Amino acid sequence: MVVFPNCKINLGLNIVSKRPDGYHDIETVFYPVYGLTDILEVTFDTTIWTPKGSVPVCELAQTGLHVDCPPEKNIIVKALYALANHFSLPHVRVHLHKQIPMGAGLGGGSADAAFFVKCLRDMLQLEADDTQLKSILSTVGADCPFFIDNQPSIATGIGNILSNCSIPSIDGKWILLVKPNVHVSTAQAYAGVRPSKPNESVASIVQLPLDNWQGCMHNDFEPSVFSSHPEIAEVKEWMMAHGAIYSAMSGSGATVFGIFNSPINQIFNDNYFQWQGQL
């Protein structure tokens, strides 16, 4: 089976509080971008089975954009191991063709894990509903459960408490994604923020007309990340100067997105990943 895990953006992101376990409670809106995808092919050998609770065999081949970790540490393999705690599984073969950049704030790895688990569930007819898959995936990555429903969602907690929402004001708009060739450490990004409850929630702001978002909705990571990586700030400035109705950094970076009324010419050089499409 071949599936196409898509990426997401964060429409605003508030760091609300630090938890006793060291994680942070956040408030954000995950919005799927269906046009930018990885390609995932999954096959298996049903003559070789691993009992529930044991470590299954996974052959993972990777092509496309560089994946900065060995196959055995890929989030897909971690998701397989998490699933194996609940089900007996066969020998699995996976080919991942990477088109969503890593360390970009786009959730590409989380999407790969979620689509992979859904794919195995459907191919093997495992007795697991979406709620159980979300629970399993929450042990792999905080935003993995989002990609099970894969619909615009308000996310709270560490990003794992989800409720679907409708955002009609951006339907049909054009989005431009631009990532400079820099890496933003998530740990450093969190170290640079001071948690606080926002005056107005992102859930309420995204129900306003799109023209009202800029200046009202914020990504709390931007000040510290922009200070450390001014080239990311320059991308956002370029977006706004070229007609973006709303622009922000996604997640902890390094991708900046702009929402436009129509396609625009892309002028960034080869040191930048860039993609545009319709929402």
C-alpha atoms as a PDB file:
ATOM      1  CA  MET A   1       0.000   0.000   0.000  1.00  0.00           C
ATOM      2  CA  VAL A   2       1.183   3.520  -0.824  1.00  0.00           C
ATOM      3  CA  VAL A   3       0.037   6.492   1.261  1.00  0.00           C
ATOM      4  CA  PHE A   4       0.891  10.186   1.181  1.00  0.00           C
ATOM      5  CA  PRO A   5       1.455  11.711   4.638  1.00  0.00           C
ATOM      6  CA  ASN A   6       0.809  15.446   4.462  1.00  0.00           C
ATOM      7  CA  CYS A   7       2.260  18.232   6.590  1.00  0.00           C
ATOM      8  CA  LYS A   8       0.596  20.760   8.891  1.00  0.00           C
ATOM      9  CA  ILE A   9       1.073  24.362   9.963  1.00  0.00           C
ATOM     10  CA  ASN A  10       0.350  26.045  13.288  1.00  0.00           C
ATOM     11  CA  LEU A  11      -2.102  28.920  13.079  1.00  0.00           C
ATOM     12  CA  GLY A  12      -0.807  30.742  16.148  1.00  0.00           C
ATOM     13  CA  LEU A  13       0.924  29.020  19.059  1.00  0.00           C
ATOM     14  CA  ASN A  14       0.750  30.036  22.718  1.00  0.00           C
ATOM     15  CA  ILE A  15       3.002  28.513  25.385  1.00  0.00           C
ATOM     16  CA  VAL A  16       0.560  28.602  28.283  1.00  0.00           C
ATOM     17  CA  SER A  17       2.409  26.996  31.195  1.00  0.00           C
ATOM     18  CA  LYS A  18       5.232  24.679  32.168  1.00  0.00           C
ATOM     19  CA  ARG A  19       4.140  21.331  33.554  1.00  0.00           C
ATOM     20  CA  PRO A  20       5.615  19.457  36.535  1.00  0.00           C
ATOM     21  CA  ASP A  21       6.845  16.753  34.115  1.00  0.00           C
ATOM     22  CA  GLY A  22       9.016  19.300  32.288  1.00  0.00           C
ATOM     23  CA  TYR A  23       6.783  19.552  29.222  1.00  0.00           C
ATOM     24  CA  HIS A  24       4.740  22.633  28.338  1.00  0.00           C
ATOM     25  CA  ASP A  25       1.019  23.107  27.921  1.00  0.00           C
ATOM     26  CA  ILE A  26       0.312  24.853  24.647  1.00  0.00           C
ATOM     27  CA  GLU A  27      -2.631  26.211  22.717  1.00  0.00           C
ATOM     28  CA  THR A  28      -2.529  26.156  18.941  1.00  0.00           C
ATOM     29  CA  VAL A  29      -4.530  25.336  15.834  1.00  0.00           C
ATOM     30  CA  PHE A  30      -3.144  22.548  13.671  1.00  0.00           C
ATOM     31  CA  TYR A  31      -4.105  23.042  10.035  1.00  0.00           C
ATOM     32  CA  PRO A  32      -3.347  20.311   7.473  1.00  0.00           C
ATOM     33  CA  VAL A  33      -1.621  21.222   4.219  1.00  0.00           C
ATOM     34  CA  TYR A  34      -2.689  18.366   1.987  1.00  0.00           C
ATOM     35  CA  GLY A  35      -0.636  19.346  -1.055  1.00  0.00           C
ATOM     36  CA  LEU A  36       2.841  18.846   0.451  1.00  0.00           C
ATOM     37  CA  THR A  37       3.377  15.173   1.263  1.00  0.00           C
ATOM     38  CA  ASP A  38       5.908  12.447   1.826  1.00  0.00           C
ATOM     39  CA  ILE A  39       5.404   9.112   0.037  1.00  0.00           C
ATOM     40  CA  LEU A  40       5.208   5.968   2.133  1.00  0.00           C
ATOM     41  CA  GLU A  41       5.073   2.426   0.735  1.00  0.00           C
ATOM     42  CA  VAL A  42       4.295  -0.375   3.189  1.00  0.00           C
ATOM     43  CA  THR A  43       4.514  -4.116   2.526  1.00  0.00           C
ATOM     44  CA  PHE A  44       4.956  -7.092   4.837  1.00  0.00           C
ATOM     45  CA  ASP A  45       5.821 -10.759   5.002  1.00  0.00           C
ATOM     46  CA  THR A  46       3.030 -12.691   6.729  1.00  0.00           C
ATOM     47  CA  THR A  47       5.164 -15.831   6.972  1.00  0.00           C
ATOM     48  CA  ILE A  48       7.145 -14.140   9.777  1.00  0.00           C
ATOM     49  CA  TRP A  49       5.235 -12.911  12.847  1.00  0.00           C
ATOM     50  CA  THR A  50       6.416 -11.352  16.095  1.00  0.00           C
ATOM     51  CA  PRO A  51       4.321 -11.951  19.227  1.00  0.00           C
ATOM     52  CA  LYS A  52       2.672  -8.995  20.968  1.00  0.00           C
ATOM     53  CA  GLY A  53       5.117  -7.260  23.287  1.00  0.00           C
ATOM     54  CA  SER A  54       8.189  -8.334  21.313  1.00  0.00           C
ATOM     55  CA  VAL A  55      10.298  -6.215  18.950  1.00  0.00           C
ATOM     56  CA  PRO A  56       9.135  -6.728  15.349  1.00  0.00           C
ATOM     57  CA  VAL A  57      11.426  -6.664  12.321  1.00  0.00           C
ATOM     58  CA  CYS A  58      11.261  -3.532  10.155  1.00  0.00           C
ATOM     59  CA  GLU A  59      13.242  -2.883   6.980  1.00  0.00           C
ATOM     60  CA  LEU A  60      13.200   0.858   6.286  1.00  0.00           C
ATOM     61  CA  ALA A  61      14.568   2.376   3.082  1.00  0.00           C
ATOM     62  CA  GLN A  62      14.812   6.168   2.799  1.00  0.00           C
ATOM     63  CA  THR A  63      15.079   8.350  -0.314  1.00  0.00           C
ATOM     64  CA  GLY A  64      14.354  11.978  -1.150  1.00  0.00           C
ATOM     65  CA  LEU A  65      15.318  14.743   1.262  1.00  0.00           C
ATOM     66  CA  HIS A  66      17.994  13.891   3.816  1.00  0.00           C
ATOM     67  CA  VAL A  67      16.678  12.292   7.020  1.00  0.00           C
ATOM     68  CA  ASP A  68      19.020  13.187   9.864  1.00  0.00           C
ATOM     69  CA  CYS A  69      18.840   9.931  11.811  1.00  0.00           C
ATOM     70  CA  PRO A  70      19.637   6.264  11.184  1.00  0.00           C
ATOM     71  CA  PRO A  71      16.683   4.098  10.081  1.00  0.00           C
ATOM     72  CA  GLU A  72      16.446   2.311  13.439  1.00  0.00           C
ATOM     73  CA  LYS A  73      15.781   5.650  15.187  1.00  0.00           C
ATOM     74  CA  ASN A  74      13.220   6.892  12.657  1.00  0.00           C
ATOM     75  CA  ILE A  75       9.860   7.816  14.168  1.00  0.00           C
ATOM     76  CA  ILE A  76       8.210   5.245  11.880  1.00  0.00           C
ATOM     77  CA  VAL A  77      10.151   2.468  13.606  1.00  0.00           C
ATOM     78  CA  LYS A  78       9.270   3.941  17.014  1.00  0.00           C
ATOM     79  CA  ALA A  79       5.601   3.899  15.998  1.00  0.00           C
ATOM     80  CA  LEU A  80       5.926   0.250  14.935  1.00  0.00           C
ATOM     81  CA  TYR A  81       7.406  -0.668  18.322  1.00  0.00           C
ATOM     82  CA  ALA A  82       4.589   1.180  20.106  1.00  0.00           C
ATOM     83  CA  LEU A  83       2.001  -0.704  18.041  1.00  0.00           C
ATOM     84  CA  ALA A  84       3.793  -3.992  18.789  1.00  0.00           C
ATOM     85  CA  ASN A  85       3.024  -3.528  22.493  1.00  0.00           C
ATOM     86  CA  HIS A  86      -0.627  -4.157  21.619  1.00  0.00           C
ATOM     87  CA  PHE A  87      -0.603  -6.491  18.599  1.00  0.00           C
ATOM     88  CA  SER A  88       1.279  -9.367  17.030  1.00  0.00           C
ATOM     89  CA  LEU A  89       2.858  -8.031  13.833  1.00  0.00           C
ATOM     90  CA  PRO A  90       4.520  -9.467  10.723  1.00  0.00           C
ATOM     91  CA  HIS A  91       7.887  -8.593   9.218  1.00  0.00           C
ATOM     92  CA  VAL A  92       7.359  -5.069   7.822  1.00  0.00           C
ATOM     93  CA  ARG A  93       9.082  -3.364   4.878  1.00  0.00           C
ATOM     94  CA  VAL A  94       8.808   0.401   4.439  1.00  0.00           C
ATOM     95  CA  HIS A  95      10.049   2.771   1.750  1.00  0.00           C
ATOM     96  CA  LEU A  96       9.925   6.420   2.811  1.00  0.00           C
ATOM     97  CA  HIS A  97      10.434   9.041   0.116  1.00  0.00           C
ATOM     98  CA  LYS A  98      10.928  12.268   2.040  1.00  0.00           C
ATOM     99  CA  GLN A  99       9.581  15.509   0.533  1.00  0.00           C
ATOM    100  CA  ILE A 100       8.646  17.390   3.729  1.00  0.00           C
ATOM    101  CA  PRO A 101      11.815  18.855   5.274  1.00  0.00           C
ATOM    102  CA  MET A 102      12.836  17.797   8.772  1.00  0.00           C
ATOM    103  CA  GLY A 103      13.154  20.276  11.630  1.00  0.00           C
ATOM    104  CA  ALA A 104      10.771  22.561   9.826  1.00  0.00           C
ATOM    105  CA  GLY A 105       7.805  22.856  12.208  1.00  0.00           C
ATOM    106  CA  LEU A 106       5.639  21.060   9.640  1.00  0.00           C
ATOM    107  CA  GLY A 107       5.114  17.770  11.468  1.00  0.00           C
ATOM    108  CA  GLY A 108       6.357  15.617   8.610  1.00  0.00           C
ATOM    109  CA  GLY A 109       7.802  12.909  10.831  1.00  0.00           C
ATOM    110  CA  SER A 110       4.662  12.777  12.963  1.00  0.00           C
ATOM    111  CA  ALA A 111       2.569  12.448   9.810  1.00  0.00           C
ATOM    112  CA  ASP A 112       4.745   9.578   8.598  1.00  0.00           C
ATOM    113  CA  ALA A 113       4.256   7.749  11.904  1.00  0.00           C
ATOM    114  CA  ALA A 114       0.499   8.268  11.980  1.00  0.00           C
ATOM    115  CA  PHE A 115      -0.095   7.300   8.352  1.00  0.00           C
ATOM    116  CA  PHE A 116       2.117   4.250   8.817  1.00  0.00           C
ATOM    117  CA  VAL A 117       0.157   3.045  11.843  1.00  0.00           C
ATOM    118  CA  LYS A 118      -3.174   3.659  10.092  1.00  0.00           C
ATOM    119  CA  CYS A 119      -1.850   1.787   7.071  1.00  0.00           C
ATOM    120  CA  LEU A 120      -0.849  -1.244   9.161  1.00  0.00           C
ATOM    121  CA  ARG A 121      -4.168  -1.199  11.001  1.00  0.00           C
ATOM    122  CA  ASP A 122      -6.101  -1.261   7.731  1.00  0.00           C
ATOM    123  CA  MET A 123      -3.891  -3.750   5.874  1.00  0.00           C
ATOM    124  CA  LEU A 124      -3.745  -6.223   8.759  1.00  0.00           C
ATOM    125  CA  GLN A 125      -7.326  -5.557   9.899  1.00  0.00           C
ATOM    126  CA  LEU A 126      -6.157  -4.924  13.452  1.00  0.00           C
ATOM    127  CA  GLU A 127      -8.930  -4.427  15.999  1.00  0.00           C
ATOM    128  CA  ALA A 128      -8.034  -0.836  16.854  1.00  0.00           C
ATOM    129  CA  ASP A 129     -10.265   2.190  16.364  1.00  0.00           C
ATOM    130  CA  ASP A 130      -8.987   5.725  15.825  1.00  0.00           C
ATOM    131  CA  THR A 131      -9.155   6.517  19.540  1.00  0.00           C
ATOM    132  CA  GLN A 132      -6.827   3.629  20.363  1.00  0.00           C
ATOM    133  CA  LEU A 133      -4.437   4.584  17.565  1.00  0.00           C
ATOM    134  CA  LYS A 134      -4.277   8.125  18.941  1.00  0.00           C
ATOM    135  CA  SER A 135      -3.490   6.766  22.387  1.00  0.00           C
ATOM    136  CA  ILE A 136      -0.701   4.581  21.001  1.00  0.00           C
ATOM    137  CA  LEU A 137       0.732   7.408  18.915  1.00  0.00           C
ATOM    138  CA  SER A 138       0.705   9.859  21.827  1.00  0.00           C
ATOM    139  CA  THR A 139       3.587   7.832  23.287  1.00  0.00           C
ATOM    140  CA  VAL A 140       5.573   8.422  20.085  1.00  0.00           C
ATOM    141  CA  GLY A 141       5.077  12.168  19.511  1.00  0.00           C
ATOM    142  CA  ALA A 142       2.772  14.870  20.855  1.00  0.00           C
ATOM    143  CA  ASP A 143       1.359  15.882  17.477  1.00  0.00           C
ATOM    144  CA  CYS A 144       1.162  12.380  15.988  1.00  0.00           C
ATOM    145  CA  PRO A 145      -2.499  11.877  17.050  1.00  0.00           C
ATOM    146  CA  PHE A 146      -3.539  14.932  15.007  1.00  0.00           C
ATOM    147  CA  PHE A 147      -2.794  13.095  11.767  1.00  0.00           C
ATOM    148  CA  ILE A 148      -5.308  10.341  12.496  1.00  0.00           C
ATOM    149  CA  ASP A 149      -8.294  12.635  11.874  1.00  0.00           C
ATOM    150  CA  ASN A 150      -6.101  14.985   9.802  1.00  0.00           C
ATOM    151  CA  GLN A 151      -8.591  17.849  10.046  1.00  0.00           C
ATOM    152  CA  PRO A 152      -8.213  21.444  11.307  1.00  0.00           C
ATOM    153  CA  SER A 153      -8.022  21.082  15.081  1.00  0.00           C
ATOM    154  CA  ILE A 154      -7.619  23.120  18.234  1.00  0.00           C
ATOM    155  CA  ALA A 155      -4.788  21.512  20.187  1.00  0.00           C
ATOM    156  CA  THR A 156      -4.165  21.926  23.903  1.00  0.00           C
ATOM    157  CA  GLY A 157      -2.224  20.018  26.541  1.00  0.00           C
ATOM    158  CA  ILE A 158       1.151  19.166  25.013  1.00  0.00           C
ATOM    159  CA  GLY A 159      -0.576  19.233  21.622  1.00  0.00           C
ATOM    160  CA  ASN A 160      -2.339  15.909  22.120  1.00  0.00           C
ATOM    161  CA  ILE A 161      -5.788  17.107  23.272  1.00  0.00           C
ATOM    162  CA  LEU A 162      -7.660  17.787  20.060  1.00  0.00           C
ATOM    163  CA  SER A 163     -11.018  19.151  19.011  1.00  0.00           C
ATOM    164  CA  ASN A 164     -12.003  19.671  15.385  1.00  0.00           C
ATOM    165  CA  CYS A 165     -12.804  23.173  14.192  1.00  0.00           C
ATOM    166  CA  SER A 166     -13.889  24.874  10.995  1.00  0.00           C
ATOM    167  CA  ILE A 167     -11.871  27.796   9.564  1.00  0.00           C
ATOM    168  CA  PRO A 168     -13.760  28.860   6.420  1.00  0.00           C
ATOM    169  CA  SER A 169     -11.910  32.174   6.007  1.00  0.00           C
ATOM    170  CA  ILE A 170      -8.833  30.468   4.505  1.00  0.00           C
ATOM    171  CA  ASP A 171     -10.579  27.930   2.274  1.00  0.00           C
ATOM    172  CA  GLY A 172      -9.270  28.362  -1.260  1.00  0.00           C
ATOM    173  CA  LYS A 173      -6.480  30.769  -0.264  1.00  0.00           C
ATOM    174  CA  TRP A 174      -2.902  30.185  -1.410  1.00  0.00           C
ATOM    175  CA  ILE A 175      -0.117  29.300   0.986  1.00  0.00           C
ATOM    176  CA  LEU A 176       3.620  29.754   0.520  1.00  0.00           C
ATOM    177  CA  LEU A 177       5.984  27.767   2.742  1.00  0.00           C
ATOM    178  CA  VAL A 178       9.609  28.889   2.996  1.00  0.00           C
ATOM    179  CA  LYS A 179      12.327  27.325   5.173  1.00  0.00           C
ATOM    180  CA  PRO A 180      15.847  28.750   5.301  1.00  0.00           C
ATOM    181  CA  ASN A 181      18.662  26.225   5.475  1.00  0.00           C
ATOM    182  CA  VAL A 182      18.947  26.471   9.266  1.00  0.00           C
ATOM    183  CA  HIS A 183      18.080  24.133  12.135  1.00  0.00           C
ATOM    184  CA  VAL A 184      16.140  25.334  15.169  1.00  0.00           C
ATOM    185  CA  SER A 185      16.573  23.281  18.334  1.00  0.00           C
ATOM    186  CA  THR A 186      13.167  22.676  19.912  1.00  0.00           C
ATOM    187  CA  ALA A 187      14.765  22.622  23.374  1.00  0.00           C
ATOM    188  CA  GLN A 188      16.427  25.986  22.758  1.00  0.00           C
ATOM    189  CA  ALA A 189      13.185  27.385  21.346  1.00  0.00           C
ATOM    190  CA  TYR A 190      11.320  26.435  24.536  1.00  0.00           C
ATOM    191  CA  ALA A 191      14.152  27.803  26.686  1.00  0.00           C
ATOM    192  CA  GLY A 192      13.629  31.219  25.107  1.00  0.00           C
ATOM    193  CA  VAL A 193       9.928  31.612  25.966  1.00  0.00           C
ATOM    194  CA  ARG A 194       8.170  32.676  29.147  1.00  0.00           C
ATOM    195  CA  PRO A 195       4.859  30.815  29.438  1.00  0.00           C
ATOM    196  CA  SER A 196       1.748  32.945  29.902  1.00  0.00           C
ATOM    197  CA  LYS A 197      -1.955  32.692  29.218  1.00  0.00           C
ATOM    198  CA  PRO A 198      -2.899  34.803  26.161  1.00  0.00           C
ATOM    199  CA  ASN A 199      -5.463  37.593  26.333  1.00  0.00           C
ATOM    200  CA  GLU A 200      -7.427  35.934  23.545  1.00  0.00           C
ATOM    201  CA  SER A 201      -7.281  32.291  22.539  1.00  0.00           C
ATOM    202  CA  VAL A 202      -6.199  31.211  19.068  1.00  0.00           C
ATOM    203  CA  ALA A 203      -9.444  29.222  18.917  1.00  0.00           C
ATOM    204  CA  SER A 204     -11.443  32.446  18.977  1.00  0.00           C
ATOM    205  CA  ILE A 205      -9.099  34.442  16.728  1.00  0.00           C
ATOM    206  CA  VAL A 206      -9.265  31.935  13.855  1.00  0.00           C
ATOM    207  CA  GLN A 207     -13.037  32.404  13.767  1.00  0.00           C
ATOM    208  CA  LEU A 208     -12.499  36.074  12.862  1.00  0.00           C
ATOM    209  CA  PRO A 209     -12.096  37.188   9.230  1.00  0.00           C
ATOM    210  CA  LEU A 210      -8.595  36.441   7.940  1.00  0.00           C
ATOM    211  CA  ASP A 211      -7.825  40.168   7.638  1.00  0.00           C
ATOM    212  CA  ASN A 212      -8.012  40.442  11.434  1.00  0.00           C
ATOM    213  CA  TRP A 213      -5.490  37.732  12.294  1.00  0.00           C
ATOM    214  CA  GLN A 214      -2.193  39.573  11.868  1.00  0.00           C
ATOM    215  CA  GLY A 215      -1.301  41.376  15.066  1.00  0.00           C
ATOM    216  CA  CYS A 216      -3.932  39.490  17.076  1.00  0.00           C
ATOM    217  CA  MET A 217      -2.560  35.967  16.780  1.00  0.00           C
ATOM    218  CA  HIS A 218       1.019  35.128  17.690  1.00  0.00           C
ATOM    219  CA  ASN A 219       3.549  32.326  17.787  1.00  0.00           C
ATOM    220  CA  ASP A 220       5.295  32.641  21.151  1.00  0.00           C
ATOM    221  CA  PHE A 221       8.444  31.038  19.737  1.00  0.00           C
ATOM    222  CA  GLU A 222       9.026  33.822  17.218  1.00  0.00           C
ATOM    223  CA  PRO A 223      10.817  36.461  19.366  1.00  0.00           C
ATOM    224  CA  SER A 224      13.578  34.154  20.621  1.00  0.00           C
ATOM    225  CA  VAL A 225      13.902  32.139  17.392  1.00  0.00           C
ATOM    226  CA  PHE A 226      13.996  35.288  15.252  1.00  0.00           C
ATOM    227  CA  SER A 227      16.677  36.727  17.529  1.00  0.00           C
ATOM    228  CA  SER A 228      18.852  33.631  17.086  1.00  0.00           C
ATOM    229  CA  HIS A 229      18.045  33.155  13.391  1.00  0.00           C
ATOM    230  CA  PRO A 230      17.389  36.550  11.759  1.00  0.00           C
ATOM    231  CA  GLU A 231      17.091  34.915   8.334  1.00  0.00           C
ATOM    232  CA  ILE A 232      13.809  33.361   9.483  1.00  0.00           C
ATOM    233  CA  ALA A 233      12.511  36.783  10.538  1.00  0.00           C
ATOM    234  CA  GLU A 234      13.514  38.130   7.122  1.00  0.00           C
ATOM    235  CA  VAL A 235      11.306  35.546   5.427  1.00  0.00           C
ATOM    236  CA  LYS A 236       8.284  36.710   7.423  1.00  0.00           C
ATOM    237  CA  GLU A 237       9.087  40.341   6.607  1.00  0.00           C
ATOM    238  CA  TRP A 238       9.268  39.412   2.924  1.00  0.00           C
ATOM    239  CA  MET A 239       5.905  37.634   3.113  1.00  0.00           C
ATOM    240  CA  MET A 240       4.185  40.668   4.598  1.00  0.00           C
ATOM    241  CA  ALA A 241       5.851  43.047   2.150  1.00  0.00           C
ATOM    242  CA  HIS A 242       4.596  40.934  -0.772  1.00  0.00           C
ATOM    243  CA  GLY A 243       0.959  40.847   0.152  1.00  0.00           C
ATOM    244  CA  ALA A 244       0.497  38.074   2.699  1.00  0.00           C
ATOM    245  CA  ILE A 245      -2.800  38.464   4.523  1.00  0.00           C
ATOM    246  CA  TYR A 246      -1.338  36.518   7.424  1.00  0.00           C
ATOM    247  CA  SER A 247       2.163  35.186   8.012  1.00  0.00           C
ATOM    248  CA  ALA A 248       3.775  33.332  10.916  1.00  0.00           C
ATOM    249  CA  MET A 249       6.421  30.791  11.776  1.00  0.00           C
ATOM    250  CA  SER A 250       5.061  27.254  12.080  1.00  0.00           C
ATOM    251  CA  GLY A 251       5.758  25.451  15.345  1.00  0.00           C
ATOM    252  CA  SER A 252       9.242  26.087  16.665  1.00  0.00           C
ATOM    253  CA  GLY A 253      10.500  26.740  13.124  1.00  0.00           C
ATOM    254  CA  ALA A 254      12.223  27.034  10.856  1.00  0.00           C
ATOM    255  CA  THR A 255       9.414  27.264   8.258  1.00  0.00           C
ATOM    256  CA  VAL A 256       7.500  30.508   7.760  1.00  0.00           C
ATOM    257  CA  PHE A 257       4.187  30.441   5.919  1.00  0.00           C
ATOM    258  CA  GLY A 258       2.220  33.193   4.262  1.00  0.00           C
ATOM    259  CA  ILE A 259      -1.445  33.069   3.261  1.00  0.00           C
ATOM    260  CA  PHE A 260      -2.235  34.958   0.050  1.00  0.00           C
ATOM    261  CA  ASN A 261      -5.247  35.628  -2.151  1.00  0.00           C
ATOM    262  CA  SER A 262      -3.449  34.300  -5.230  1.00  0.00           C
ATOM    263  CA  PRO A 263      -0.186  32.591  -6.250  1.00  0.00           C
ATOM    264  CA  ILE A 264       2.956  34.691  -6.089  1.00  0.00           C
ATOM    265  CA  ASN A 265       6.363  34.507  -7.714  1.00  0.00           C
ATOM    266  CA  GLN A 266       8.931  32.853  -5.483  1.00  0.00           C
ATOM    267  CA  ILE A 267      12.259  34.653  -5.413  1.00  0.00           C
ATOM    268  CA  PHE A 268      14.190  32.699  -2.785  1.00  0.00           C
ATOM    269  CA  ASN A 269      17.402  30.982  -3.846  1.00  0.00           C
ATOM    270  CA  ASP A 270      18.421  27.346  -3.514  1.00  0.00           C
ATOM    271  CA  ASN A 271      19.385  27.814   0.145  1.00  0.00           C
ATOM    272  CA  TYR A 272      15.667  27.903   0.930  1.00  0.00           C
ATOM    273  CA  PHE A 273      13.093  25.137   0.750  1.00  0.00           C
ATOM    274  CA  GLN A 274       9.938  26.583  -0.771  1.00  0.00           C
ATOM    275  CA  TRP A 275       6.543  25.265  -1.783  1.00  0.00           C
ATOM    276  CA  GLN A 276       3.212  26.838  -2.573  1.00  0.00           C
ATOM    277  CA  GLY A 277      -0.250  25.497  -3.158  1.00  0.00           C
ATOM    278  CA  GLN A 278      -3.914  26.051  -2.453  1.00  0.00           C
ATOM    279  CA  LEU A 279      -5.564  25.434   0.909  1.00  0.00           C
END
